[in-house]
Amino acid sequence: SAIIFFRPRKFSKNPFNIGNIVVSSSTSWSIIVESKNSGFLV
């Protein structure tokens, strides 16, 4: 789980990297992503 914090500024970089996920798997896999706020920063 990761919490995204954002402070809007006139010159905010967009888009931006909020982090990296490293997957190491010896079998098949998939990733599921869910947003608590349905894709909105509140």
All heavy atoms as atom14 arrays in JSON, in Angstrom:
{
  "sequence": "SAIIFFRPRKFSKNPFNIGNIVVSSSTSWSIIVESKNSGFLV",
  "atom14_mask": [
    [1, 1, 1, 1, 1, 1, 0, 0, 0, 0, 0, 0, 0, 0],
    [1, 1, 1, 1, 1, 0, 0, 0, 0, 0, 0, 0, 0, 0],
    [1, 1, 1, 1, 1, 1, 1, 1, 0, 0, 0, 0, 0, 0],
    [1, 1, 1, 1, 1, 1, 1, 1, 0, 0, 0, 0, 0, 0],
    [1, 1, 1, 1, 1, 1, 1, 1, 1, 1, 1, 0, 0, 0],
    [1, 1, 1, 1, 1, 1, 1, 1, 1, 1, 1, 0, 0, 0],
    [1, 1, 1, 1, 1, 1, 1, 1, 1, 1, 1, 0, 0, 0],
    [1, 1, 1, 1, 1, 1, 1, 0, 0, 0, 0, 0, 0, 0],
    [1, 1, 1, 1, 1, 1, 1, 1, 1, 1, 1, 0, 0, 0],
    [1, 1, 1, 1, 1, 1, 1, 1, 1, 0, 0, 0, 0, 0],
    [1, 1, 1, 1, 1, 1, 1, 1, 1, 1, 1, 0, 0, 0],
    [1, 1, 1, 1, 1, 1, 0, 0, 0, 0, 0, 0, 0, 0],
    [1, 1, 1, 1, 1, 1, 1, 1, 1, 0, 0, 0, 0, 0],
    [1, 1, 1, 1, 1, 1, 1, 1, 0, 0, 0, 0, 0, 0],
    [1, 1, 1, 1, 1, 1, 1, 0, 0, 0, 0, 0, 0, 0],
    [1, 1, 1, 1, 1, 1, 1, 1, 1, 1, 1, 0, 0, 0],
    [1, 1, 1, 1, 1, 1, 1, 1, 0, 0, 0, 0, 0, 0],
    [1, 1, 1, 1, 1, 1, 1, 1, 0, 0, 0, 0, 0, 0],
    [1, 1, 1, 1, 0, 0, 0, 0, 0, 0, 0, 0, 0, 0],
    [1, 1, 1, 1, 1, 1, 1, 1, 0, 0, 0, 0, 0, 0],
    [1, 1, 1, 1, 1, 1, 1, 1, 0, 0, 0, 0, 0, 0],
    [1, 1, 1, 1, 1, 1, 1, 0, 0, 0, 0, 0, 0, 0],
    [1, 1, 1, 1, 1, 1, 1, 0, 0, 0, 0, 0, 0, 0],
    [1, 1, 1, 1, 1, 1, 0, 0, 0, 0, 0, 0, 0, 0],
    [1, 1, 1, 1, 1, 1, 0, 0, 0, 0, 0, 0, 0, 0],
    [1, 1, 1, 1, 1, 1, 0, 0, 0, 0, 0, 0, 0, 0],
    [1, 1, 1, 1, 1, 1, 1, 0, 0, 0, 0, 0, 0, 0],
    [1, 1, 1, 1, 1, 1, 0, 0, 0, 0, 0, 0, 0, 0],
    [1, 1, 1, 1, 1, 1, 1, 1, 1, 1, 1, 1, 1, 1],
    [1, 1, 1, 1, 1, 1, 0, 0, 0, 0, 0, 0, 0, 0],
    [1, 1, 1, 1, 1, 1, 1, 1, 0, 0, 0, 0, 0, 0],
    [1, 1, 1, 1, 1, 1, 1, 1, 0, 0, 0, 0, 0, 0],
    [1, 1, 1, 1, 1, 1, 1, 0, 0, 0, 0, 0, 0, 0],
    [1, 1, 1, 1, 1, 1, 1, 1, 1, 0, 0, 0, 0, 0],
    [1, 1, 1, 1, 1, 1, 0, 0, 0, 0, 0, 0, 0, 0],
    [1, 1, 1, 1, 1, 1, 1, 1, 1, 0, 0, 0, 0, 0],
    [1, 1, 1, 1, 1, 1, 1, 1, 0, 0, 0, 0, 0, 0],
    [1, 1, 1, 1, 1, 1, 0, 0, 0, 0, 0, 0, 0, 0],
    [1, 1, 1, 1, 0, 0, 0, 0, 0, 0, 0, 0, 0, 0],
    [1, 1, 1, 1, 1, 1, 1, 1, 1, 1, 1, 0, 0, 0],
    [1, 1, 1, 1, 1, 1, 1, 1, 0, 0, 0, 0, 0, 0],
    [1, 1, 1, 1, 1, 1, 1, 0, 0, 0, 0, 0, 0, 0]
  ],
  "atom14_positions": [
    [[0.84, -1.19, 0.0], [0.0, 0.0, 0.0], [0.88, 1.24, 0.0], [1.91, 1.27, 0.65], [-0.92, 0.03, 1.22], [-1.86, -1.0, 1.15], [0.0, 0.0, 0.0], [0.0, 0.0, 0.0], [0.0, 0.0, 0.0], [0.0, 0.0, 0.0], [0.0, 0.0, 0.0], [0.0, 0.0, 0.0], [0.0, 0.0, 0.0], [0.0, 0.0, 0.0]],
    [[0.46, 2.23, -0.73], [1.2, 3.5, -0.78], [0.21, 4.64, -0.72], [-0.84, 4.59, -1.36], [2.01, 3.58, -2.07], [0.0, 0.0, 0.0], [0.0, 0.0, 0.0], [0.0, 0.0, 0.0], [0.0, 0.0, 0.0], [0.0, 0.0, 0.0], [0.0, 0.0, 0.0], [0.0, 0.0, 0.0], [0.0, 0.0, 0.0], [0.0, 0.0, 0.0]],
    [[0.54, 5.63, 0.06], [-0.29, 6.83, 0.11], [0.37, 7.88, -0.77], [1.57, 8.11, -0.66], [-0.43, 7.36, 1.55], [-1.14, 6.31, 2.42], [-1.19, 8.68, 1.56], [-1.24, 6.7, 3.87], [0.0, 0.0, 0.0], [0.0, 0.0, 0.0], [0.0, 0.0, 0.0], [0.0, 0.0, 0.0], [0.0, 0.0, 0.0], [0.0, 0.0, 0.0]],
    [[-0.4, 8.47, -1.65], [0.1, 9.52, -2.52], [-0.24, 10.85, -1.88], [-1.4, 11.13, -1.57], [-0.57, 9.47, -3.91], [-0.34, 8.11, -4.56], [-0.07, 10.59, -4.8], [-1.19, 7.91, -5.81], [0.0, 0.0, 0.0], [0.0, 0.0, 0.0], [0.0, 0.0, 0.0], [0.0, 0.0, 0.0], [0.0, 0.0, 0.0], [0.0, 0.0, 0.0]],
    [[0.76, 11.68, -1.64], [0.55, 13.04, -1.16], [0.95, 13.98, -2.28], [1.96, 13.78, -2.94], [1.42, 13.35, 0.06], [1.03, 12.59, 1.29], [1.72, 11.46, 1.66], [-0.02, 13.03, 2.07], [1.38, 10.76, 2.79], [-0.37, 12.33, 3.21], [0.32, 11.2, 3.58], [0.0, 0.0, 0.0], [0.0, 0.0, 0.0], [0.0, 0.0, 0.0]],
    [[0.18, 15.02, -2.48], [0.48, 15.97, -3.55], [0.14, 17.37, -3.08], [-0.94, 17.61, -2.54], [-0.31, 15.63, -4.81], [-0.12, 16.62, -5.91], [1.07, 16.67, -6.61], [-1.12, 17.51, -6.23], [1.26, 17.58, -7.62], [-0.93, 18.44, -7.25], [0.26, 18.47, -7.94], [0.0, 0.0, 0.0], [0.0, 0.0, 0.0], [0.0, 0.0, 0.0]],
    [[1.06, 18.29, -3.26], [0.81, 19.7, -2.98], [0.85, 20.43, -4.32], [1.92, 20.54, -4.93], [1.89, 20.27, -2.05], [1.88, 19.67, -0.68], [2.96, 20.36, 0.16], [3.24, 19.63, 1.36], [2.55, 19.71, 2.5], [1.51, 20.5, 2.56], [2.88, 19.02, 3.55], [0.0, 0.0, 0.0], [0.0, 0.0, 0.0], [0.0, 0.0, 0.0]],
    [[-0.31, 20.93, -4.78], [-0.32, 21.59, -6.09], [0.51, 22.88, -6.06], [0.43, 23.65, -5.13], [-1.79, 21.89, -6.34], [-2.46, 21.8, -5.02], [-1.63, 20.91, -4.15], [0.0, 0.0, 0.0], [0.0, 0.0, 0.0], [0.0, 0.0, 0.0], [0.0, 0.0, 0.0], [0.0, 0.0, 0.0], [0.0, 0.0, 0.0], [0.0, 0.0, 0.0]],
    [[1.34, 23.02, -7.07], [2.13, 24.23, -7.25], [2.01, 24.66, -8.69], [1.72, 23.85, -9.56], [3.61, 23.96, -6.92], [3.86, 23.78, -5.45], [5.35, 23.58, -5.21], [5.46, 22.28, -4.55], [6.33, 21.35, -4.82], [7.23, 21.55, -5.74], [6.34, 20.22, -4.17], [0.0, 0.0, 0.0], [0.0, 0.0, 0.0], [0.0, 0.0, 0.0]],
    [[2.26, 25.9, -8.92], [2.13, 26.43, -10.27], [2.98, 25.65, -11.26], [2.6, 25.44, -12.39], [2.51, 27.91, -10.26], [2.26, 28.6, -11.58], [2.53, 30.07, -11.47], [2.24, 30.75, -12.78], [2.5, 32.18, -12.73], [0.0, 0.0, 0.0], [0.0, 0.0, 0.0], [0.0, 0.0, 0.0], [0.0, 0.0, 0.0], [0.0, 0.0, 0.0]],
    [[4.16, 25.2, -10.83], [5.07, 24.55, -11.75], [5.28, 23.08, -11.4], [6.36, 22.55, -11.57], [6.42, 25.29, -11.76], [6.28, 26.72, -12.18], [6.4, 27.74, -11.25], [5.99, 27.06, -13.49], [6.25, 29.07, -11.63], [5.85, 28.38, -13.88], [5.98, 29.39, -12.95], [0.0, 0.0, 0.0], [0.0, 0.0, 0.0], [0.0, 0.0, 0.0]],
    [[4.24, 22.41, -10.93], [4.36, 20.99, -10.59], [4.68, 20.18, -11.84], [4.09, 20.39, -12.9], [3.06, 20.46, -9.97], [2.85, 21.03, -8.72], [0.0, 0.0, 0.0], [0.0, 0.0, 0.0], [0.0, 0.0, 0.0], [0.0, 0.0, 0.0], [0.0, 0.0, 0.0], [0.0, 0.0, 0.0], [0.0, 0.0, 0.0], [0.0, 0.0, 0.0]],
    [[5.62, 19.26, -11.71], [5.99, 18.39, -12.82], [4.84, 17.42, -13.07], [4.28, 16.85, -12.15], [7.26, 17.64, -12.43], [7.81, 16.77, -13.51], [9.09, 16.09, -13.03], [9.6, 15.12, -14.04], [10.74, 14.37, -13.54], [0.0, 0.0, 0.0], [0.0, 0.0, 0.0], [0.0, 0.0, 0.0], [0.0, 0.0, 0.0], [0.0, 0.0, 0.0]],
    [[4.51, 17.21, -14.31], [3.4, 16.33, -14.67], [3.72, 15.68, -16.01], [3.94, 16.39, -16.97], [2.11, 17.15, -14.77], [0.87, 16.3, -14.82], [0.8, 15.23, -14.28], [-0.14, 16.82, -15.49], [0.0, 0.0, 0.0], [0.0, 0.0, 0.0], [0.0, 0.0, 0.0], [0.0, 0.0, 0.0], [0.0, 0.0, 0.0], [0.0, 0.0, 0.0]],
    [[3.79, 14.39, -16.18], [3.6, 13.33, -15.17], [4.83, 13.18, -14.27], [5.89, 13.73, -14.56], [3.4, 12.08, -16.01], [4.14, 12.34, -17.28], [4.05, 13.83, -17.51], [0.0, 0.0, 0.0], [0.0, 0.0, 0.0], [0.0, 0.0, 0.0], [0.0, 0.0, 0.0], [0.0, 0.0, 0.0], [0.0, 0.0, 0.0], [0.0, 0.0, 0.0]],
    [[4.68, 12.4, -13.19], [5.82, 12.17, -12.33], [5.83, 10.76, -11.75], [4.8, 10.12, -11.63], [5.92, 13.23, -11.23], [4.68, 13.4, -10.41], [4.54, 12.75, -9.2], [3.66, 14.23, -10.83], [3.41, 12.91, -8.43], [2.52, 14.4, -10.07], [2.4, 13.74, -8.87], [0.0, 0.0, 0.0], [0.0, 0.0, 0.0], [0.0, 0.0, 0.0]],
    [[7.05, 10.32, -11.44], [7.27, 8.97, -10.91], [7.07, 9.0, -9.4], [7.74, 9.76, -8.71], [8.69, 8.52, -11.26], [8.99, 7.1, -10.83], [8.43, 6.58, -9.89], [9.91, 6.47, -11.53], [0.0, 0.0, 0.0], [0.0, 0.0, 0.0], [0.0, 0.0, 0.0], [0.0, 0.0, 0.0], [0.0, 0.0, 0.0], [0.0, 0.0, 0.0]],
    [[6.18, 8.16, -8.89], [5.98, 8.13, -7.44], [6.7, 6.96, -6.79], [6.67, 6.82, -5.57], [4.48, 8.14, -7.05], [3.77, 6.9, -7.54], [3.81, 9.4, -7.54], [2.4, 6.74, -6.94], [0.0, 0.0, 0.0], [0.0, 0.0, 0.0], [0.0, 0.0, 0.0], [0.0, 0.0, 0.0], [0.0, 0.0, 0.0], [0.0, 0.0, 0.0]],
    [[7.37, 6.13, -7.59], [8.13, 5.03, -7.02], [8.27, 3.89, -8.02], [7.71, 3.93, -9.12], [0.0, 0.0, 0.0], [0.0, 0.0, 0.0], [0.0, 0.0, 0.0], [0.0, 0.0, 0.0], [0.0, 0.0, 0.0], [0.0, 0.0, 0.0], [0.0, 0.0, 0.0], [0.0, 0.0, 0.0], [0.0, 0.0, 0.0], [0.0, 0.0, 0.0]],
    [[9.03, 2.88, -7.64], [9.25, 1.72, -8.48], [8.81, 0.47, -7.74], [9.0, 0.36, -6.53], [10.72, 1.58, -8.85], [11.18, 2.72, -9.73], [10.49, 3.15, -10.63], [12.36, 3.24, -9.46], [0.0, 0.0, 0.0], [0.0, 0.0, 0.0], [0.0, 0.0, 0.0], [0.0, 0.0, 0.0], [0.0, 0.0, 0.0], [0.0, 0.0, 0.0]],
    [[8.23, -0.46, -8.47], [7.86, -1.76, -7.93], [8.76, -2.77, -8.62], [8.9, -2.76, -9.85], [6.38, -2.07, -8.22], [5.49, -1.05, -7.52], [6.03, -3.49, -7.81], [4.04, -1.1, -7.93], [0.0, 0.0, 0.0], [0.0, 0.0, 0.0], [0.0, 0.0, 0.0], [0.0, 0.0, 0.0], [0.0, 0.0, 0.0], [0.0, 0.0, 0.0]],
    [[9.39, -3.64, -7.84], [10.23, -4.68, -8.41], [9.55, -6.02, -8.17], [9.27, -6.39, -7.02], [11.65, -4.69, -7.8], [12.48, -5.81, -8.4], [12.32, -3.34, -8.02], [0.0, 0.0, 0.0], [0.0, 0.0, 0.0], [0.0, 0.0, 0.0], [0.0, 0.0, 0.0], [0.0, 0.0, 0.0], [0.0, 0.0, 0.0], [0.0, 0.0, 0.0]],
    [[9.24, -6.72, -9.25], [8.6, -8.03, -9.17], [9.64, -9.1, -9.46], [10.34, -9.03, -10.48], [7.44, -8.15, -10.17], [6.8, -9.53, -10.11], [6.4, -7.06, -9.93], [0.0, 0.0, 0.0], [0.0, 0.0, 0.0], [0.0, 0.0, 0.0], [0.0, 0.0, 0.0], [0.0, 0.0, 0.0], [0.0, 0.0, 0.0], [0.0, 0.0, 0.0]],
    [[9.74, -10.07, -8.57], [10.6, -11.23, -8.78], [9.74, -12.46, -8.56], [9.29, -12.71, -7.45], [11.78, -11.19, -7.8], [12.61, -12.31, -8.02], [0.0, 0.0, 0.0], [0.0, 0.0, 0.0], [0.0, 0.0, 0.0], [0.0, 0.0, 0.0], [0.0, 0.0, 0.0], [0.0, 0.0, 0.0], [0.0, 0.0, 0.0], [0.0, 0.0, 0.0]],
    [[9.48, -13.2, -9.62], [8.57, -14.33, -9.53], [9.07, -15.49, -10.4], [9.45, -15.28, -11.55], [7.17, -13.91, -9.99], [6.29, -15.0, -9.93], [0.0, 0.0, 0.0], [0.0, 0.0, 0.0], [0.0, 0.0, 0.0], [0.0, 0.0, 0.0], [0.0, 0.0, 0.0], [0.0, 0.0, 0.0], [0.0, 0.0, 0.0], [0.0, 0.0, 0.0]],
    [[9.03, -16.68, -9.84], [9.43, -17.87, -10.6], [8.23, -18.52, -11.3], [8.39, -19.52, -11.99], [10.1, -18.88, -9.66], [9.2, -19.27, -8.64], [0.0, 0.0, 0.0], [0.0, 0.0, 0.0], [0.0, 0.0, 0.0], [0.0, 0.0, 0.0], [0.0, 0.0, 0.0], [0.0, 0.0, 0.0], [0.0, 0.0, 0.0], [0.0, 0.0, 0.0]],
    [[7.05, -17.93, -11.11], [5.84, -18.42, -11.77], [5.15, -17.28, -12.5], [5.57, -16.13, -12.4], [4.85, -19.02, -10.74], [4.41, -17.97, -9.86], [5.49, -20.13, -9.91], [0.0, 0.0, 0.0], [0.0, 0.0, 0.0], [0.0, 0.0, 0.0], [0.0, 0.0, 0.0], [0.0, 0.0, 0.0], [0.0, 0.0, 0.0], [0.0, 0.0, 0.0]],
    [[4.07, -17.59, -13.19], [3.27, -16.54, -13.84], [2.67, -15.64, -12.77], [2.42, -16.07, -11.65], [2.18, -17.17, -14.68], [2.74, -17.94, -15.72], [0.0, 0.0, 0.0], [0.0, 0.0, 0.0], [0.0, 0.0, 0.0], [0.0, 0.0, 0.0], [0.0, 0.0, 0.0], [0.0, 0.0, 0.0], [0.0, 0.0, 0.0], [0.0, 0.0, 0.0]],
    [[2.39, -14.4, -13.16], [1.88, -13.43, -12.19], [1.11, -12.32, -12.88], [1.2, -12.14, -14.09], [3.04, -12.84, -11.36], [4.09, -12.18, -12.22], [5.11, -12.79, -12.88], [4.17, -10.8, -12.55], [5.84, -11.87, -13.59], [5.3, -10.63, -13.4], [3.43, -9.67, -12.22], [5.67, -9.4, -13.92], [3.81, -8.43, -12.72], [4.92, -8.31, -13.57]],
    [[0.36, -11.57, -12.1], [-0.29, -10.35, -12.56], [-0.32, -9.37, -11.4], [-0.07, -9.75, -10.25], [-1.7, -10.62, -13.08], [-2.54, -11.06, -12.04], [0.0, 0.0, 0.0], [0.0, 0.0, 0.0], [0.0, 0.0, 0.0], [0.0, 0.0, 0.0], [0.0, 0.0, 0.0], [0.0, 0.0, 0.0], [0.0, 0.0, 0.0], [0.0, 0.0, 0.0]],
    [[-0.58, -8.12, -11.7], [-0.65, -7.09, -10.67], [-2.06, -6.51, -10.67], [-2.66, -6.28, -11.72], [0.38, -5.97, -10.92], [1.78, -6.5, -10.64], [0.1, -4.75, -10.05], [2.87, -5.47, -10.72], [0.0, 0.0, 0.0], [0.0, 0.0, 0.0], [0.0, 0.0, 0.0], [0.0, 0.0, 0.0], [0.0, 0.0, 0.0], [0.0, 0.0, 0.0]],
    [[-2.56, -6.29, -9.47], [-3.87, -5.67, -9.26], [-3.63, -4.34, -8.54], [-2.91, -4.3, -7.54], [-4.78, -6.57, -8.4], [-4.94, -7.94, -9.08], [-6.12, -5.91, -8.14], [-5.52, -9.0, -8.18], [0.0, 0.0, 0.0], [0.0, 0.0, 0.0], [0.0, 0.0, 0.0], [0.0, 0.0, 0.0], [0.0, 0.0, 0.0], [0.0, 0.0, 0.0]],
    [[-4.22, -3.26, -9.06], [-4.07, -1.94, -8.44], [-5.46, -1.41, -8.12], [-6.33, -1.38, -8.99], [-3.33, -0.95, -9.36], [-3.17, 0.4, -8.68], [-1.98, -1.51, -9.78], [0.0, 0.0, 0.0], [0.0, 0.0, 0.0], [0.0, 0.0, 0.0], [0.0, 0.0, 0.0], [0.0, 0.0, 0.0], [0.0, 0.0, 0.0], [0.0, 0.0, 0.0]],
    [[-5.65, -0.98, -6.86], [-6.91, -0.39, -6.43], [-6.65, 0.96, -5.79], [-5.66, 1.14, -5.09], [-7.61, -1.28, -5.4], [-8.09, -2.59, -5.96], [-8.81, -3.41, -4.92], [-8.13, -3.87, -3.98], [-10.03, -3.59, -5.05], [0.0, 0.0, 0.0], [0.0, 0.0, 0.0], [0.0, 0.0, 0.0], [0.0, 0.0, 0.0], [0.0, 0.0, 0.0]],
    [[-7.56, 1.89, -6.02], [-7.49, 3.23, -5.46], [-8.61, 3.42, -4.45], [-9.78, 3.14, -4.75], [-7.64, 4.26, -6.58], [-7.99, 5.53, -6.07], [0.0, 0.0, 0.0], [0.0, 0.0, 0.0], [0.0, 0.0, 0.0], [0.0, 0.0, 0.0], [0.0, 0.0, 0.0], [0.0, 0.0, 0.0], [0.0, 0.0, 0.0], [0.0, 0.0, 0.0]],
    [[-8.27, 3.88, -3.26], [-9.3, 4.13, -2.25], [-10.3, 5.19, -2.71], [-11.47, 5.12, -2.4], [-8.64, 4.58, -0.94], [-9.62, 4.87, 0.16], [-8.92, 5.3, 1.44], [-9.94, 5.63, 2.51], [-9.28, 6.17, 3.71], [0.0, 0.0, 0.0], [0.0, 0.0, 0.0], [0.0, 0.0, 0.0], [0.0, 0.0, 0.0], [0.0, 0.0, 0.0]],
    [[-9.81, 6.19, -3.48], [-10.65, 7.31, -3.9], [-11.01, 7.26, -5.39], [-11.24, 8.3, -6.01], [-9.95, 8.64, -3.58], [-9.74, 8.83, -2.1], [-10.59, 8.48, -1.29], [-8.59, 9.36, -1.73], [0.0, 0.0, 0.0], [0.0, 0.0, 0.0], [0.0, 0.0, 0.0], [0.0, 0.0, 0.0], [0.0, 0.0, 0.0], [0.0, 0.0, 0.0]],
    [[-11.04, 6.07, -5.96], [-11.45, 5.87, -7.36], [-10.66, 6.72, -8.35], [-11.21, 7.23, -9.32], [-12.94, 6.12, -7.52], [-13.68, 5.24, -6.71], [0.0, 0.0, 0.0], [0.0, 0.0, 0.0], [0.0, 0.0, 0.0], [0.0, 0.0, 0.0], [0.0, 0.0, 0.0], [0.0, 0.0, 0.0], [0.0, 0.0, 0.0], [0.0, 0.0, 0.0]],
    [[-9.35, 6.86, -8.12], [-8.51, 7.59, -9.07], [-8.5, 9.09, -8.89], [-8.14, 9.82, -9.81], [0.0, 0.0, 0.0], [0.0, 0.0, 0.0], [0.0, 0.0, 0.0], [0.0, 0.0, 0.0], [0.0, 0.0, 0.0], [0.0, 0.0, 0.0], [0.0, 0.0, 0.0], [0.0, 0.0, 0.0], [0.0, 0.0, 0.0], [0.0, 0.0, 0.0]],
    [[-8.87, 9.56, -7.7], [-8.81, 10.99, -7.4], [-7.89, 11.22, -6.21], [-7.9, 10.45, -5.24], [-10.2, 11.53, -7.03], [-11.12, 11.69, -8.18], [-11.96, 10.65, -8.55], [-11.16, 12.87, -8.91], [-12.83, 10.78, -9.62], [-12.02, 13.01, -9.99], [-12.86, 11.96, -10.34], [0.0, 0.0, 0.0], [0.0, 0.0, 0.0], [0.0, 0.0, 0.0]],
    [[-7.09, 12.28, -6.29], [-6.39, 12.8, -5.13], [-7.37, 13.74, -4.44], [-7.93, 14.63, -5.09], [-5.12, 13.54, -5.54], [-4.05, 12.7, -6.22], [-2.96, 13.59, -6.79], [-3.47, 11.69, -5.26], [0.0, 0.0, 0.0], [0.0, 0.0, 0.0], [0.0, 0.0, 0.0], [0.0, 0.0, 0.0], [0.0, 0.0, 0.0], [0.0, 0.0, 0.0]],
    [[-7.6, 13.55, -3.15], [-8.63, 14.29, -2.42], [-7.95, 15.22, -1.41], [-7.05, 14.79, -0.67], [-9.6, 13.33, -1.7], [-10.65, 14.1, -0.92], [-10.27, 12.41, -2.72], [0.0, 0.0, 0.0], [0.0, 0.0, 0.0], [0.0, 0.0, 0.0], [0.0, 0.0, 0.0], [0.0, 0.0, 0.0], [0.0, 0.0, 0.0], [0.0, 0.0, 0.0]]
  ]
}
